[in-house]
C-alpha atoms as a PDB file:
ATOM      1  CA  MET A   1     106.809 121.450  77.315  1.00  0.00           C
ATOM      2  CA  LEU A   2     108.570 118.131  76.866  1.00  0.00           C
ATOM      3  CA  ILE A   3     106.828 116.572  79.874  1.00  0.00           C
ATOM      4  CA  ASN A   4     103.434 117.276  78.277  1.00  0.00           C
ATOM      5  CA  ILE A   5     104.475 115.561  75.039  1.00  0.00           C
ATOM      6  CA  ILE A   6     105.746 112.515  76.920  1.00  0.00           C
ATOM      7  CA  SER A   7     102.633 112.413  79.121  1.00  0.00           C
ATOM      8  CA  SER A   8     100.356 112.634  76.108  1.00  0.00           C
ATOM      9  CA  SER A   9     102.221 109.826  74.340  1.00  0.00           C
ATOM     10  CA  LEU A  10     101.962 107.599  77.414  1.00  0.00           C
ATOM     11  CA  ARG A  11      98.241 108.307  77.737  1.00  0.00           C
ATOM     12  CA  ASP A  12      97.784 107.466  74.046  1.00  0.00           C
ATOM     13  CA  ILE A  13      99.087 103.947  74.690  1.00  0.00           C
ATOM     14  CA  GLY A  14      96.886 103.451  77.756  1.00  0.00           C
ATOM     15  CA  CYS A  15      99.118 104.501  80.654  1.00  0.00           C
ATOM     16  CA  ASP A  16      97.731 106.482  83.569  1.00  0.00           C
ATOM     17  CA  VAL A  17      99.877 109.606  83.970  1.00  0.00           C
ATOM     18  CA  ILE A  18      99.796 112.143  86.807  1.00  0.00           C
ATOM     19  CA  ASN A  19     101.866 115.334  86.534  1.00  0.00           C
ATOM     20  CA  CYS A  20     102.596 117.475  89.595  1.00  0.00           C
ATOM     21  CA  GLU A  21     104.063 120.956  89.643  1.00  0.00           C
ATOM     22  CA  GLY A  22     107.172 121.842  91.631  1.00  0.00           C
ATOM     23  CA  ASP A  23     108.492 119.908  94.618  1.00  0.00           C
ATOM     24  CA  ALA A  24     105.395 117.893  95.433  1.00  0.00           C
ATOM     25  CA  GLU A  25     106.507 114.647  97.054  1.00  0.00           C
ATOM     26  CA  CYS A  26     103.158 113.910  98.682  1.00  0.00           C
ATOM     27  CA  GLU A  27     101.164 114.833  95.578  1.00  0.00           C
ATOM     28  CA  ILE A  28     103.312 112.410  93.606  1.00  0.00           C
ATOM     29  CA  MET A  29     103.521 109.640  96.191  1.00  0.00           C
ATOM     30  CA  HIS A  30      99.858 109.257  97.178  1.00  0.00           C
ATOM     31  CA  PRO A  31      98.484 108.552  93.670  1.00  0.00           C
ATOM     32  CA  ALA A  32     101.282 106.021  93.078  1.00  0.00           C
ATOM     33  CA  ILE A  33     100.430 104.171  96.276  1.00  0.00           C
ATOM     34  CA  ALA A  34      96.707 104.301  95.452  1.00  0.00           C
ATOM     35  CA  ALA A  35      97.351 102.937  91.949  1.00  0.00           C
ATOM     36  CA  SER A  36      99.475 100.105  93.371  1.00  0.00           C
ATOM     37  CA  GLN A  37      96.409  98.820  95.237  1.00  0.00           C
ATOM     38  CA  TYR A  38      94.998  97.702  91.885  1.00  0.00           C
ATOM     39  CA  GLY A  39      98.037  96.786  89.789  1.00  0.00           C
ATOM     40  CA  SER A  40     101.749  97.055  89.233  1.00  0.00           C
ATOM     41  CA  THR A  41     102.856 100.716  89.307  1.00  0.00           C
ATOM     42  CA  THR A  42     106.137 102.492  88.570  1.00  0.00           C
ATOM     43  CA  LEU A  43     106.951 105.908  90.022  1.00  0.00           C
ATOM     44  CA  ILE A  44     109.699 107.763  88.176  1.00  0.00           C
ATOM     45  CA  GLY A  45     111.303 110.525  90.217  1.00  0.00           C
ATOM     46  CA  GLY A  46     114.639 112.076  90.992  1.00  0.00           C
ATOM     47  CA  ASP A  47     114.273 112.579  94.682  1.00  0.00           C
ATOM     48  CA  ASN A  48     115.455 110.118  97.350  1.00  0.00           C
ATOM     49  CA  ASP A  49     112.829 111.627  99.652  1.00  0.00           C
ATOM     50  CA  LEU A  50     110.182 110.033  97.422  1.00  0.00           C
ATOM     51  CA  PHE A  51     111.730 106.614  97.902  1.00  0.00           C
ATOM     52  CA  VAL A  52     111.836 107.016 101.689  1.00  0.00           C
ATOM     53  CA  LEU A  53     108.218 108.244 101.771  1.00  0.00           C
ATOM     54  CA  LEU A  54     107.157 105.279  99.628  1.00  0.00           C
ATOM     55  CA  LEU A  55     108.902 102.848 101.984  1.00  0.00           C
ATOM     56  CA  TYR A  56     107.159 104.434 104.954  1.00  0.00           C
ATOM     57  CA  SER A  57     103.706 104.623 103.358  1.00  0.00           C
ATOM     58  CA  MET A  58     103.402 101.298 101.507  1.00  0.00           C
ATOM     59  CA  LYS A  59     100.900  98.776 102.759  1.00  0.00           C
ATOM     60  CA  PRO A  60     101.901  95.107 102.613  1.00  0.00           C
ATOM     61  CA  ASP A  61      98.800  94.103 100.622  1.00  0.00           C
ATOM     62  CA  ASN A  62      99.505  96.559  97.755  1.00  0.00           C
ATOM     63  CA  LYS A  63     100.538  95.143  94.393  1.00  0.00           C
ATOM     64  CA  SER A  64     104.021  95.785  93.016  1.00  0.00           C
ATOM     65  CA  LEU A  65     105.258  99.368  93.294  1.00  0.00           C
ATOM     66  CA  PHE A  66     108.570 100.227  91.649  1.00  0.00           C
ATOM     67  CA  PHE A  67     110.671 103.373  92.052  1.00  0.00           C
ATOM     68  CA  HIS A  68     112.892 104.403  89.166  1.00  0.00           C
ATOM     69  CA  SER A  69     115.322 107.316  89.401  1.00  0.00           C
ATOM     70  CA  ASP A  70     115.151 109.810  86.559  1.00  0.00           C
ATOM     71  CA  LYS A  71     118.720 110.889  87.398  1.00  0.00           C
ATOM     72  CA  LYS A  72     120.512 107.549  86.973  1.00  0.00           C
ATOM     73  CA  ILE A  73     120.256 104.671  84.563  1.00  0.00           C
ATOM     74  CA  THR A  74     119.484 101.852  86.964  1.00  0.00           C
ATOM     75  CA  ASN A  75     116.977  99.093  87.342  1.00  0.00           C
ATOM     76  CA  PRO A  76     113.762 100.056  89.125  1.00  0.00           C
ATOM     77  CA  ILE A  77     113.641  99.222  92.838  1.00  0.00           C
ATOM     78  CA  ARG A  78     110.635  97.188  93.998  1.00  0.00           C
ATOM     79  CA  VAL A  79     109.441  99.244  96.972  1.00  0.00           C
ATOM     80  CA  ASN A  80     107.097  96.773  98.657  1.00  0.00           C
ATOM     81  CA  LYS A  81     109.855  94.118  98.744  1.00  0.00           C
ATOM     82  CA  SER A  82     112.357  96.604 100.250  1.00  0.00           C
ATOM     83  CA  LYS A  83     110.582  96.961 103.597  1.00  0.00           C
END
């Protein structure tokens, strides 16, 4: 699968990668928020529900958390500055 090749390549250069099966907003969101407690984190997803859940769940003391749509070519949105 293409996602496995991309994930492996990212891991090879030192990125932490979490893959979730199916429509798993919470499984995707919670690790991103946890990772943002320790450093800048980018969540790439195609679902606006993820962005809304991130806005709701972010804590003000977390480091930078960015959301980047996999459906559009746009700049990432900094979630913890959007609240």
